[in-house]
Amino acid sequence: MIAKSDRIKRFLAQRSTLVSMVFLAGCVIVSLAAPLLFEHDAFAMQGEPFIWPGTDMKHPLGTDMFGRDILTGLVYGARISLAIGLFSALISTCIGVVIGSSAAVPLAMPKRLPASPR
């Protein structure tokens, strides 16, 4: 059997694992720090409508037809998506624990089954 430290070393030795973990951690940190990074609400009109990406440094991804910053909406949307994913994982874990524990506990079986009526 492989020791726990060896499994962790083998897991972290894969480049794709490290890249994925860093990307996911970055998404979580940016989405949790969204109120600190962006001073406006995601639904607030912040600029002129239809600013193209890269033309205005205040809106790096541009604005939509209502003048809302697309980057702000993207980050606030990531917060909602992460919360829904965490909540659904929690619910499915609870359901799995209940089903698994009910399967592990044997029901009381009678010593002798009653005869079926004919």
PDB file of N, CA and C in Angstrom:
ATOM      1  N   MET A   1       0.845  -1.187   0.000  1.00  0.00           N
ATOM      2  CA  MET A   1       0.000   0.000   0.000  1.00  0.00           C
ATOM      3  C   MET A   1       0.888   1.247   0.000  1.00  0.00           C
ATOM      4  N   ILE A   2       0.475   2.240  -0.726  1.00  0.00           N
ATOM      5  CA  ILE A   2       1.254   3.467  -0.850  1.00  0.00           C
ATOM      6  C   ILE A   2       0.978   4.364   0.353  1.00  0.00           C
ATOM      7  N   ALA A   3       2.049   4.924   0.917  1.00  0.00           N
ATOM      8  CA  ALA A   3       1.898   5.813   2.071  1.00  0.00           C
ATOM      9  C   ALA A   3       1.210   7.101   1.645  1.00  0.00           C
ATOM     10  N   LYS A   4       0.610   7.763   2.626  1.00  0.00           N
ATOM     11  CA  LYS A   4      -0.152   8.977   2.329  1.00  0.00           C
ATOM     12  C   LYS A   4       0.738  10.063   1.746  1.00  0.00           C
ATOM     13  N   SER A   5       1.944  10.228   2.278  1.00  0.00           N
ATOM     14  CA  SER A   5       2.843  11.272   1.765  1.00  0.00           C
ATOM     15  C   SER A   5       3.264  10.974   0.330  1.00  0.00           C
ATOM     16  N   ASP A   6       3.435   9.690  -0.006  1.00  0.00           N
ATOM     17  CA  ASP A   6       3.785   9.344  -1.385  1.00  0.00           C
ATOM     18  C   ASP A   6       2.635   9.625  -2.342  1.00  0.00           C
ATOM     19  N   ARG A   7       1.409   9.374  -1.901  1.00  0.00           N
ATOM     20  CA  ARG A   7       0.250   9.665  -2.741  1.00  0.00           C
ATOM     21  C   ARG A   7       0.131  11.165  -3.004  1.00  0.00           C
ATOM     22  N   ILE A   8       0.372  11.967  -1.972  1.00  0.00           N
ATOM     23  CA  ILE A   8       0.298  13.425  -2.142  1.00  0.00           C
ATOM     24  C   ILE A   8       1.392  13.907  -3.084  1.00  0.00           C
ATOM     25  N   LYS A   9       2.590  13.357  -2.953  1.00  0.00           N
ATOM     26  CA  LYS A   9       3.689  13.743  -3.838  1.00  0.00           C
ATOM     27  C   LYS A   9       3.386  13.371  -5.290  1.00  0.00           C
ATOM     28  N   ARG A  10       2.837  12.172  -5.510  1.00  0.00           N
ATOM     29  CA  ARG A  10       2.494  11.754  -6.859  1.00  0.00           C
ATOM     30  C   ARG A  10       1.360  12.609  -7.424  1.00  0.00           C
ATOM     31  N   PHE A  11       0.420  12.989  -6.570  1.00  0.00           N
ATOM     32  CA  PHE A  11      -0.693  13.829  -7.000  1.00  0.00           C
ATOM     33  C   PHE A  11      -0.202  15.205  -7.419  1.00  0.00           C
ATOM     34  N   LEU A  12       0.691  15.781  -6.613  1.00  0.00           N
ATOM     35  CA  LEU A  12       1.176  17.127  -6.916  1.00  0.00           C
ATOM     36  C   LEU A  12       2.269  17.159  -7.978  1.00  0.00           C
ATOM     37  N   ALA A  13       2.800  15.996  -8.345  1.00  0.00           N
ATOM     38  CA  ALA A  13       3.849  15.952  -9.363  1.00  0.00           C
ATOM     39  C   ALA A  13       3.277  16.161 -10.766  1.00  0.00           C
ATOM     40  N   GLN A  14       1.988  15.998 -10.927  1.00  0.00           N
ATOM     41  CA  GLN A  14       1.382  16.183 -12.240  1.00  0.00           C
ATOM     42  C   GLN A  14       1.144  17.673 -12.491  1.00  0.00           C
ATOM     43  N   ARG A  15       1.636  18.138 -13.605  1.00  0.00           N
ATOM     44  CA  ARG A  15       1.549  19.564 -13.931  1.00  0.00           C
ATOM     45  C   ARG A  15       0.106  20.033 -14.096  1.00  0.00           C
ATOM     46  N   SER A  16      -0.737  19.218 -14.711  1.00  0.00           N
ATOM     47  CA  SER A  16      -2.125  19.616 -14.930  1.00  0.00           C
ATOM     48  C   SER A  16      -2.867  19.754 -13.600  1.00  0.00           C
ATOM     49  N   THR A  17      -2.501  18.936 -12.618  1.00  0.00           N
ATOM     50  CA  THR A  17      -3.123  19.039 -11.297  1.00  0.00           C
ATOM     51  C   THR A  17      -2.788  20.370 -10.655  1.00  0.00           C
ATOM     52  N   LEU A  18      -1.532  20.748 -10.717  1.00  0.00           N
ATOM     53  CA  LEU A  18      -1.124  22.021 -10.112  1.00  0.00           C
ATOM     54  C   LEU A  18      -1.766  23.213 -10.814  1.00  0.00           C
ATOM     55  N   VAL A  19      -1.805  23.168 -12.130  1.00  0.00           N
ATOM     56  CA  VAL A  19      -2.417  24.272 -12.878  1.00  0.00           C
ATOM     57  C   VAL A  19      -3.894  24.387 -12.543  1.00  0.00           C
ATOM     58  N   SER A  20      -4.578  23.254 -12.465  1.00  0.00           N
ATOM     59  CA  SER A  20      -6.010  23.268 -12.143  1.00  0.00           C
ATOM     60  C   SER A  20      -6.264  23.770 -10.730  1.00  0.00           C
ATOM     61  N   MET A  21      -5.440  23.345  -9.778  1.00  0.00           N
ATOM     62  CA  MET A  21      -5.614  23.789  -8.394  1.00  0.00           C
ATOM     63  C   MET A  21      -5.359  25.287  -8.252  1.00  0.00           C
ATOM     64  N   VAL A  22      -4.324  25.799  -8.932  1.00  0.00           N
ATOM     65  CA  VAL A  22      -4.023  27.233  -8.869  1.00  0.00           C
ATOM     66  C   VAL A  22      -5.142  28.038  -9.527  1.00  0.00           C
ATOM     67  N   PHE A  23      -5.648  27.557 -10.670  1.00  0.00           N
ATOM     68  CA  PHE A  23      -6.738  28.260 -11.351  1.00  0.00           C
ATOM     69  C   PHE A  23      -7.999  28.285 -10.492  1.00  0.00           C
ATOM     70  N   LEU A  24      -8.358  27.149  -9.908  1.00  0.00           N
ATOM     71  CA  LEU A  24      -9.554  27.092  -9.066  1.00  0.00           C
ATOM     72  C   LEU A  24      -9.397  27.960  -7.825  1.00  0.00           C
ATOM     73  N   ALA A  25      -8.226  27.927  -7.208  1.00  0.00           N
ATOM     74  CA  ALA A  25      -7.987  28.774  -6.031  1.00  0.00           C
ATOM     75  C   ALA A  25      -8.057  30.253  -6.406  1.00  0.00           C
ATOM     76  N   GLY A  26      -7.522  30.607  -7.564  1.00  0.00           N
ATOM     77  CA  GLY A  26      -7.602  31.995  -8.022  1.00  0.00           C
ATOM     78  C   GLY A  26      -9.032  32.438  -8.271  1.00  0.00           C
ATOM     79  N   CYS A  27      -9.833  31.556  -8.880  1.00  0.00           N
ATOM     80  CA  CYS A  27     -11.248  31.886  -9.108  1.00  0.00           C
ATOM     81  C   CYS A  27     -11.994  32.080  -7.797  1.00  0.00           C
ATOM     82  N   VAL A  28     -11.725  31.218  -6.834  1.00  0.00           N
ATOM     83  CA  VAL A  28     -12.397  31.328  -5.534  1.00  0.00           C
ATOM     84  C   VAL A  28     -11.981  32.612  -4.827  1.00  0.00           C
ATOM     85  N   ILE A  29     -10.699  32.928  -4.830  1.00  0.00           N
ATOM     86  CA  ILE A  29     -10.217  34.132  -4.144  1.00  0.00           C
ATOM     87  C   ILE A  29     -10.777  35.388  -4.795  1.00  0.00           C
ATOM     88  N   VAL A  30     -10.754  35.450  -6.124  1.00  0.00           N
ATOM     89  CA  VAL A  30     -11.262  36.643  -6.820  1.00  0.00           C
ATOM     90  C   VAL A  30     -12.771  36.785  -6.612  1.00  0.00           C
ATOM     91  N   SER A  31     -13.493  35.671  -6.652  1.00  0.00           N
ATOM     92  CA  SER A  31     -14.943  35.784  -6.481  1.00  0.00           C
ATOM     93  C   SER A  31     -15.324  36.144  -5.051  1.00  0.00           C
ATOM     94  N   LEU A  32     -14.560  35.673  -4.072  1.00  0.00           N
ATOM     95  CA  LEU A  32     -14.856  36.056  -2.690  1.00  0.00           C
ATOM     96  C   LEU A  32     -14.460  37.498  -2.397  1.00  0.00           C
ATOM     97  N   ALA A  33     -13.434  37.985  -3.089  1.00  0.00           N
ATOM     98  CA  ALA A  33     -12.975  39.356  -2.875  1.00  0.00           C
ATOM     99  C   ALA A  33     -13.633  40.342  -3.841  1.00  0.00           C
ATOM    100  N   ALA A  34     -14.685  39.943  -4.520  1.00  0.00           N
ATOM    101  CA  ALA A  34     -15.341  40.808  -5.512  1.00  0.00           C
ATOM    102  C   ALA A  34     -15.805  42.143  -4.932  1.00  0.00           C
ATOM    103  N   PRO A  35     -16.418  42.189  -3.733  1.00  0.00           N
ATOM    104  CA  PRO A  35     -16.818  43.499  -3.217  1.00  0.00           C
ATOM    105  C   PRO A  35     -15.630  44.426  -2.935  1.00  0.00           C
ATOM    106  N   LEU A  36     -14.459  43.846  -2.672  1.00  0.00           N
ATOM    107  CA  LEU A  36     -13.268  44.668  -2.437  1.00  0.00           C
ATOM    108  C   LEU A  36     -12.615  45.114  -3.740  1.00  0.00           C
ATOM    109  N   LEU A  37     -12.737  44.301  -4.778  1.00  0.00           N
ATOM    110  CA  LEU A  37     -12.092  44.612  -6.054  1.00  0.00           C
ATOM    111  C   LEU A  37     -12.903  45.562  -6.920  1.00  0.00           C
ATOM    112  N   PHE A  38     -14.214  45.474  -6.848  1.00  0.00           N
ATOM    113  CA  PHE A  38     -15.089  46.291  -7.689  1.00  0.00           C
ATOM    114  C   PHE A  38     -15.957  47.164  -6.805  1.00  0.00           C
ATOM    115  N   GLU A  39     -15.913  48.458  -7.058  1.00  0.00           N
ATOM    116  CA  GLU A  39     -16.664  49.380  -6.199  1.00  0.00           C
ATOM    117  C   GLU A  39     -18.138  49.464  -6.565  1.00  0.00           C
ATOM    118  N   HIS A  40     -18.498  49.011  -7.758  1.00  0.00           N
ATOM    119  CA  HIS A  40     -19.892  49.099  -8.200  1.00  0.00           C
ATOM    120  C   HIS A  40     -20.562  47.742  -8.152  1.00  0.00           C
ATOM    121  N   ASP A  41     -21.863  47.773  -8.123  1.00  0.00           N
ATOM    122  CA  ASP A  41     -22.668  46.562  -8.199  1.00  0.00           C
ATOM    123  C   ASP A  41     -22.603  46.008  -9.622  1.00  0.00           C
ATOM    124  N   ALA A  42     -22.834  44.716  -9.753  1.00  0.00           N
ATOM    125  CA  ALA A  42     -22.775  44.099 -11.080  1.00  0.00           C
ATOM    126  C   ALA A  42     -23.891  44.596 -11.993  1.00  0.00           C
ATOM    127  N   PHE A  43     -24.997  45.058 -11.421  1.00  0.00           N
ATOM    128  CA  PHE A  43     -26.130  45.508 -12.224  1.00  0.00           C
ATOM    129  C   PHE A  43     -26.189  47.026 -12.384  1.00  0.00           C
ATOM    130  N   ALA A  44     -25.213  47.730 -11.810  1.00  0.00           N
ATOM    131  CA  ALA A  44     -25.202  49.191 -11.914  1.00  0.00           C
ATOM    132  C   ALA A  44     -24.640  49.618 -13.272  1.00  0.00           C
ATOM    133  N   MET A  45     -25.238  50.661 -13.838  1.00  0.00           N
ATOM    134  CA  MET A  45     -24.723  51.215 -15.085  1.00  0.00           C
ATOM    135  C   MET A  45     -23.466  52.012 -14.757  1.00  0.00           C
ATOM    136  N   GLN A  46     -22.340  51.614 -15.371  1.00  0.00           N
ATOM    137  CA  GLN A  46     -21.057  52.214 -15.014  1.00  0.00           C
ATOM    138  C   GLN A  46     -20.402  52.985 -16.144  1.00  0.00           C
ATOM    139  N   GLY A  47     -20.890  52.825 -17.334  1.00  0.00           N
ATOM    140  CA  GLY A  47     -20.267  53.508 -18.461  1.00  0.00           C
ATOM    141  C   GLY A  47     -21.233  53.608 -19.619  1.00  0.00           C
ATOM    142  N   GLU A  48     -20.674  54.003 -20.747  1.00  0.00           N
ATOM    143  CA  GLU A  48     -21.476  54.088 -21.956  1.00  0.00           C
ATOM    144  C   GLU A  48     -21.806  52.681 -22.450  1.00  0.00           C
ATOM    145  N   PRO A  49     -22.924  52.527 -23.124  1.00  0.00           N
ATOM    146  CA  PRO A  49     -23.253  51.210 -23.687  1.00  0.00           C
ATOM    147  C   PRO A  49     -22.294  50.812 -24.807  1.00  0.00           C
ATOM    148  N   PHE A  50     -22.083  49.535 -24.953  1.00  0.00           N
ATOM    149  CA  PHE A  50     -21.313  48.932 -26.039  1.00  0.00           C
ATOM    150  C   PHE A  50     -19.876  49.443 -26.138  1.00  0.00           C
ATOM    151  N   ILE A  51     -19.181  49.513 -25.013  1.00  0.00           N
ATOM    152  CA  ILE A  51     -17.745  49.804 -25.072  1.00  0.00           C
ATOM    153  C   ILE A  51     -17.042  48.499 -25.446  1.00  0.00           C
ATOM    154  N   TRP A  52     -16.209  48.539 -26.466  1.00  0.00           N
ATOM    155  CA  TRP A  52     -15.515  47.345 -26.921  1.00  0.00           C
ATOM    156  C   TRP A  52     -14.425  46.949 -25.931  1.00  0.00           C
ATOM    157  N   PRO A  53     -14.138  45.674 -25.823  1.00  0.00           N
ATOM    158  CA  PRO A  53     -13.065  45.226 -24.918  1.00  0.00           C
ATOM    159  C   PRO A  53     -11.721  45.822 -25.317  1.00  0.00           C
ATOM    160  N   GLY A  54     -10.986  46.291 -24.315  1.00  0.00           N
ATOM    161  CA  GLY A  54      -9.651  46.825 -24.546  1.00  0.00           C
ATOM    162  C   GLY A  54      -9.597  48.295 -24.907  1.00  0.00           C
ATOM    163  N   THR A  55     -10.716  48.953 -25.148  1.00  0.00           N
ATOM    164  CA  THR A  55     -10.677  50.366 -25.524  1.00  0.00           C
ATOM    165  C   THR A  55     -10.707  51.280 -24.306  1.00  0.00           C
ATOM    166  N   ASP A  56     -11.215  50.816 -23.189  1.00  0.00           N
ATOM    167  CA  ASP A  56     -11.296  51.624 -21.975  1.00  0.00           C
ATOM    168  C   ASP A  56     -10.708  50.810 -20.829  1.00  0.00           C
ATOM    169  N   MET A  57      -9.720  51.361 -20.140  1.00  0.00           N
ATOM    170  CA  MET A  57      -9.070  50.611 -19.064  1.00  0.00           C
ATOM    171  C   MET A  57      -9.950  50.469 -17.825  1.00  0.00           C
ATOM    172  N   LYS A  58     -10.963  51.302 -17.685  1.00  0.00           N
ATOM    173  CA  LYS A  58     -11.898  51.137 -16.565  1.00  0.00           C
ATOM    174  C   LYS A  58     -12.781  49.920 -16.764  1.00  0.00           C
ATOM    175  N   HIS A  59     -12.965  49.521 -18.015  1.00  0.00           N
ATOM    176  CA  HIS A  59     -13.797  48.366 -18.357  1.00  0.00           C
ATOM    177  C   HIS A  59     -12.998  47.462 -19.302  1.00  0.00           C
ATOM    178  N   PRO A  60     -12.124  46.607 -18.751  1.00  0.00           N
ATOM    179  CA  PRO A  60     -11.238  45.821 -19.621  1.00  0.00           C
ATOM    180  C   PRO A  60     -11.967  44.852 -20.551  1.00  0.00           C
ATOM    181  N   LEU A  61     -13.116  44.343 -20.140  1.00  0.00           N
ATOM    182  CA  LEU A  61     -13.892  43.456 -21.017  1.00  0.00           C
ATOM    183  C   LEU A  61     -15.036  44.187 -21.700  1.00  0.00           C
ATOM    184  N   GLY A  62     -15.097  45.493 -21.536  1.00  0.00           N
ATOM    185  CA  GLY A  62     -16.122  46.297 -22.176  1.00  0.00           C
ATOM    186  C   GLY A  62     -17.399  46.368 -21.358  1.00  0.00           C
ATOM    187  N   THR A  63     -18.443  46.914 -21.980  1.00  0.00           N
ATOM    188  CA  THR A  63     -19.751  47.032 -21.336  1.00  0.00           C
ATOM    189  C   THR A  63     -20.809  46.432 -22.253  1.00  0.00           C
ATOM    190  N   ASP A  64     -21.953  46.124 -21.670  1.00  0.00           N
ATOM    191  CA  ASP A  64     -23.044  45.578 -22.469  1.00  0.00           C
ATOM    192  C   ASP A  64     -23.926  46.716 -22.975  1.00  0.00           C
ATOM    193  N   MET A  65     -25.102  46.381 -23.489  1.00  0.00           N
ATOM    194  CA  MET A  65     -25.977  47.391 -24.097  1.00  0.00           C
ATOM    195  C   MET A  65     -26.589  48.338 -23.077  1.00  0.00           C
ATOM    196  N   PHE A  66     -26.501  47.999 -21.788  1.00  0.00           N
ATOM    197  CA  PHE A  66     -27.027  48.890 -20.753  1.00  0.00           C
ATOM    198  C   PHE A  66     -25.924  49.670 -20.033  1.00  0.00           C
ATOM    199  N   GLY A  67     -24.666  49.475 -20.423  1.00  0.00           N
ATOM    200  CA  GLY A  67     -23.552  50.177 -19.800  1.00  0.00           C
ATOM    201  C   GLY A  67     -23.023  49.478 -18.556  1.00  0.00           C
ATOM    202  N   ARG A  68     -23.359  48.215 -18.358  1.00  0.00           N
ATOM    203  CA  ARG A  68     -22.861  47.462 -17.204  1.00  0.00           C
ATOM    204  C   ARG A  68     -21.526  46.836 -17.555  1.00  0.00           C
ATOM    205  N   ASP A  69     -20.594  46.860 -16.594  1.00  0.00           N
ATOM    206  CA  ASP A  69     -19.265  46.302 -16.801  1.00  0.00           C
ATOM    207  C   ASP A  69     -19.356  44.779 -16.883  1.00  0.00           C
ATOM    208  N   ILE A  70     -18.790  44.211 -17.950  1.00  0.00           N
ATOM    209  CA  ILE A  70     -18.876  42.763 -18.158  1.00  0.00           C
ATOM    210  C   ILE A  70     -17.984  42.021 -17.176  1.00  0.00           C
ATOM    211  N   LEU A  71     -16.810  42.545 -16.849  1.00  0.00           N
ATOM    212  CA  LEU A  71     -15.917  41.876 -15.898  1.00  0.00           C
ATOM    213  C   LEU A  71     -16.546  41.791 -14.511  1.00  0.00           C
ATOM    214  N   THR A  72     -17.202  42.848 -14.074  1.00  0.00           N
ATOM    215  CA  THR A  72     -17.872  42.827 -12.778  1.00  0.00           C
ATOM    216  C   THR A  72     -18.982  41.785 -12.759  1.00  0.00           C
ATOM    217  N   GLY A  73     -19.763  41.735 -13.829  1.00  0.00           N
ATOM    218  CA  GLY A  73     -20.820  40.735 -13.914  1.00  0.00           C
ATOM    219  C   GLY A  73     -20.271  39.321 -13.953  1.00  0.00           C
ATOM    220  N   LEU A  74     -19.145  39.125 -14.603  1.00  0.00           N
ATOM    221  CA  LEU A  74     -18.516  37.812 -14.680  1.00  0.00           C
ATOM    222  C   LEU A  74     -18.042  37.343 -13.311  1.00  0.00           C
ATOM    223  N   VAL A  75     -17.431  38.239 -12.542  1.00  0.00           N
ATOM    224  CA  VAL A  75     -16.917  37.870 -11.221  1.00  0.00           C
ATOM    225  C   VAL A  75     -18.063  37.632 -10.241  1.00  0.00           C
ATOM    226  N   TYR A  76     -19.075  38.478 -10.269  1.00  0.00           N
ATOM    227  CA  TYR A  76     -20.224  38.259  -9.383  1.00  0.00           C
ATOM    228  C   TYR A  76     -21.003  37.000  -9.787  1.00  0.00           C
ATOM    229  N   GLY A  77     -21.032  36.692 -11.066  1.00  0.00           N
ATOM    230  CA  GLY A  77     -21.648  35.449 -11.516  1.00  0.00           C
ATOM    231  C   GLY A  77     -20.868  34.231 -11.050  1.00  0.00           C
ATOM    232  N   ALA A  78     -19.537  34.354 -10.978  1.00  0.00           N
ATOM    233  CA  ALA A  78     -18.717  33.255 -10.462  1.00  0.00           C
ATOM    234  C   ALA A  78     -19.019  33.007  -8.988  1.00  0.00           C
ATOM    235  N   ARG A  79     -19.313  34.051  -8.248  1.00  0.00           N
ATOM    236  CA  ARG A  79     -19.684  33.870  -6.834  1.00  0.00           C
ATOM    237  C   ARG A  79     -20.949  33.036  -6.715  1.00  0.00           C
ATOM    238  N   ILE A  80     -21.928  33.348  -7.527  1.00  0.00           N
ATOM    239  CA  ILE A  80     -23.194  32.617  -7.485  1.00  0.00           C
ATOM    240  C   ILE A  80     -22.979  31.169  -7.932  1.00  0.00           C
ATOM    241  N   SER A  81     -22.199  30.959  -8.982  1.00  0.00           N
ATOM    242  CA  SER A  81     -21.943  29.602  -9.471  1.00  0.00           C
ATOM    243  C   SER A  81     -21.208  28.759  -8.440  1.00  0.00           C
ATOM    244  N   LEU A  82     -20.220  29.340  -7.767  1.00  0.00           N
ATOM    245  CA  LEU A  82     -19.498  28.594  -6.732  1.00  0.00           C
ATOM    246  C   LEU A  82     -20.399  28.273  -5.551  1.00  0.00           C
ATOM    247  N   ALA A  83     -21.277  29.186  -5.182  1.00  0.00           N
ATOM    248  CA  ALA A  83     -22.196  28.922  -4.072  1.00  0.00           C
ATOM    249  C   ALA A  83     -23.175  27.807  -4.431  1.00  0.00           C
ATOM    250  N   ILE A  84     -23.686  27.812  -5.649  1.00  0.00           N
ATOM    251  CA  ILE A  84     -24.607  26.752  -6.080  1.00  0.00           C
ATOM    252  C   ILE A  84     -23.881  25.409  -6.124  1.00  0.00           C
ATOM    253  N   GLY A  85     -22.664  25.387  -6.629  1.00  0.00           N
ATOM    254  CA  GLY A  85     -21.893  24.143  -6.670  1.00  0.00           C
ATOM    255  C   GLY A  85     -21.583  23.604  -5.285  1.00  0.00           C
ATOM    256  N   LEU A  86     -21.213  24.481  -4.367  1.00  0.00           N
ATOM    257  CA  LEU A  86     -20.933  24.056  -2.995  1.00  0.00           C
ATOM    258  C   LEU A  86     -22.190  23.533  -2.314  1.00  0.00           C
ATOM    259  N   PHE A  87     -23.308  24.216  -2.522  1.00  0.00           N
ATOM    260  CA  PHE A  87     -24.568  23.799  -1.909  1.00  0.00           C
ATOM    261  C   PHE A  87     -25.029  22.455  -2.463  1.00  0.00           C
ATOM    262  N   SER A  88     -24.921  22.269  -3.774  1.00  0.00           N
ATOM    263  CA  SER A  88     -25.362  20.994  -4.358  1.00  0.00           C
ATOM    264  C   SER A  88     -24.446  19.851  -3.933  1.00  0.00           C
ATOM    265  N   ALA A  89     -23.140  20.107  -3.788  1.00  0.00           N
ATOM    266  CA  ALA A  89     -22.236  19.067  -3.287  1.00  0.00           C
ATOM    267  C   ALA A  89     -22.564  18.709  -1.844  1.00  0.00           C
ATOM    268  N   LEU A  90     -22.922  19.698  -1.043  1.00  0.00           N
ATOM    269  CA  LEU A  90     -23.295  19.446   0.350  1.00  0.00           C
ATOM    270  C   LEU A  90     -24.576  18.623   0.429  1.00  0.00           C
ATOM    271  N   ILE A  91     -25.562  18.973  -0.372  1.00  0.00           N
ATOM    272  CA  ILE A  91     -26.828  18.233  -0.369  1.00  0.00           C
ATOM    273  C   ILE A  91     -26.615  16.798  -0.832  1.00  0.00           C
ATOM    274  N   SER A  92     -25.864  16.603  -1.907  1.00  0.00           N
ATOM    275  CA  SER A  92     -25.649  15.239  -2.400  1.00  0.00           C
ATOM    276  C   SER A  92     -24.799  14.421  -1.433  1.00  0.00           C
ATOM    277  N   THR A  93     -23.889  15.056  -0.709  1.00  0.00           N
ATOM    278  CA  THR A  93     -23.130  14.341   0.322  1.00  0.00           C
ATOM    279  C   THR A  93     -24.043  13.894   1.448  1.00  0.00           C
ATOM    280  N   CYS A  94     -24.936  14.747   1.879  1.00  0.00           N
ATOM    281  CA  CYS A  94     -25.889  14.372   2.939  1.00  0.00           C
ATOM    282  C   CYS A  94     -26.788  13.227   2.494  1.00  0.00           C
ATOM    283  N   ILE A  95     -27.272  13.277   1.258  1.00  0.00           N
ATOM    284  CA  ILE A  95     -28.115  12.194   0.744  1.00  0.00           C
ATOM    285  C   ILE A  95     -27.316  10.894   0.672  1.00  0.00           C
ATOM    286  N   GLY A  96     -26.073  10.972   0.228  1.00  0.00           N
ATOM    287  CA  GLY A  96     -25.227   9.785   0.145  1.00  0.00           C
ATOM    288  C   GLY A  96     -24.926   9.195   1.507  1.00  0.00           C
ATOM    289  N   VAL A  97     -24.723  10.039   2.511  1.00  0.00           N
ATOM    290  CA  VAL A  97     -24.471   9.545   3.871  1.00  0.00           C
ATOM    291  C   VAL A  97     -25.703   8.835   4.407  1.00  0.00           C
ATOM    292  N   VAL A  98     -26.881   9.403   4.180  1.00  0.00           N
ATOM    293  CA  VAL A  98     -28.116   8.777   4.666  1.00  0.00           C
ATOM    294  C   VAL A  98     -28.341   7.435   3.971  1.00  0.00           C
ATOM    295  N   ILE A  99     -28.186   7.386   2.658  1.00  0.00           N
ATOM    296  CA  ILE A  99     -28.398   6.135   1.924  1.00  0.00           C
ATOM    297  C   ILE A  99     -27.335   5.104   2.299  1.00  0.00           C
ATOM    298  N   GLY A 100     -26.096   5.525   2.395  1.00  0.00           N
ATOM    299  CA  GLY A 100     -25.023   4.601   2.750  1.00  0.00           C
ATOM    300  C   GLY A 100     -25.148   4.054   4.151  1.00  0.00           C
ATOM    301  N   SER A 101     -25.522   4.899   5.093  1.00  0.00           N
ATOM    302  CA  SER A 101     -25.666   4.415   6.465  1.00  0.00           C
ATOM    303  C   SER A 101     -26.904   3.539   6.612  1.00  0.00           C
ATOM    304  N   SER A 102     -27.948   3.820   5.848  1.00  0.00           N
ATOM    305  CA  SER A 102     -29.127   2.948   5.921  1.00  0.00           C
ATOM    306  C   SER A 102     -28.833   1.597   5.283  1.00  0.00           C
ATOM    307  N   ALA A 103     -27.956   1.549   4.293  1.00  0.00           N
ATOM    308  CA  ALA A 103     -27.594   0.268   3.691  1.00  0.00           C
ATOM    309  C   ALA A 103     -26.671  -0.530   4.610  1.00  0.00           C
ATOM    310  N   ALA A 104     -25.926   0.144   5.457  1.00  0.00           N
ATOM    311  CA  ALA A 104     -24.993  -0.533   6.352  1.00  0.00           C
ATOM    312  C   ALA A 104     -25.679  -1.110   7.575  1.00  0.00           C
ATOM    313  N   VAL A 105     -26.808  -0.574   7.955  1.00  0.00           N
ATOM    314  CA  VAL A 105     -27.523  -1.056   9.139  1.00  0.00           C
ATOM    315  C   VAL A 105     -28.516  -2.126   8.697  1.00  0.00           C
ATOM    316  N   PRO A 106     -28.331  -3.369   9.158  1.00  0.00           N
ATOM    317  CA  PRO A 106     -29.268  -4.411   8.738  1.00  0.00           C
ATOM    318  C   PRO A 106     -30.605  -4.256   9.445  1.00  0.00           C
ATOM    319  N   LEU A 107     -31.651  -4.556   8.710  1.00  0.00           N
ATOM    320  CA  LEU A 107     -32.982  -4.520   9.300  1.00  0.00           C
ATOM    321  C   LEU A 107     -33.194  -5.793  10.102  1.00  0.00           C
ATOM    322  N   ALA A 108     -34.041  -5.718  11.091  1.00  0.00           N
ATOM    323  CA  ALA A 108     -34.322  -6.900  11.909  1.00  0.00           C
ATOM    324  C   ALA A 108     -35.072  -7.920  11.073  1.00  0.00           C
ATOM    325  N   MET A 109     -34.483  -9.056  10.877  1.00  0.00           N
ATOM    326  CA  MET A 109     -35.094 -10.126  10.098  1.00  0.00           C
ATOM    327  C   MET A 109     -35.739 -11.124  11.057  1.00  0.00           C
ATOM    328  N   PRO A 110     -36.946 -11.541  10.797  1.00  0.00           N
ATOM    329  CA  PRO A 110     -37.550 -12.545  11.675  1.00  0.00           C
ATOM    330  C   PRO A 110     -36.831 -13.889  11.512  1.00  0.00           C
ATOM    331  N   LYS A 111     -36.812 -14.663  12.581  1.00  0.00           N
ATOM    332  CA  LYS A 111     -36.134 -15.956  12.547  1.00  0.00           C
ATOM    333  C   LYS A 111     -36.824 -16.915  11.576  1.00  0.00           C
ATOM    334  N   ARG A 112     -38.130 -16.829  11.541  1.00  0.00           N
ATOM    335  CA  ARG A 112     -38.884 -17.723  10.671  1.00  0.00           C
ATOM    336  C   ARG A 112     -39.897 -16.884   9.898  1.00  0.00           C
ATOM    337  N   LEU A 113     -39.884 -17.000   8.602  1.00  0.00           N
ATOM    338  CA  LEU A 113     -40.818 -16.252   7.787  1.00  0.00           C
ATOM    339  C   LEU A 113     -42.198 -16.887   7.885  1.00  0.00           C
ATOM    340  N   PRO A 114     -43.253 -16.079   7.947  1.00  0.00           N
ATOM    341  CA  PRO A 114     -44.593 -16.665   8.010  1.00  0.00           C
ATOM    342  C   PRO A 114     -44.924 -17.367   6.699  1.00  0.00           C
ATOM    343  N   ALA A 115     -45.718 -18.394   6.832  1.00  0.00           N
ATOM    344  CA  ALA A 115     -46.129 -19.155   5.649  1.00  0.00           C
ATOM    345  C   ALA A 115     -47.108 -18.327   4.834  1.00  0.00           C
ATOM    346  N   SER A 116     -46.982 -18.442   3.541  1.00  0.00           N
ATOM    347  CA  SER A 116     -47.874 -17.677   2.676  1.00  0.00           C
ATOM    348  C   SER A 116     -49.241 -18.368   2.606  1.00  0.00           C
ATOM    349  N   PRO A 117     -50.309 -17.596   2.652  1.00  0.00           N
ATOM    350  CA  PRO A 117     -51.634 -18.218   2.569  1.00  0.00           C
ATOM    351  C   PRO A 117     -51.896 -18.719   1.153  1.00  0.00           C
ATOM    352  N   ARG A 118     -52.517 -19.877   1.081  1.00  0.00           N
ATOM    353  CA  ARG A 118     -52.797 -20.465  -0.237  1.00  0.00           C
ATOM    354  C   ARG A 118     -54.248 -20.465  -0.517  1.00  0.00           C
TER     355      ARG A 118
END
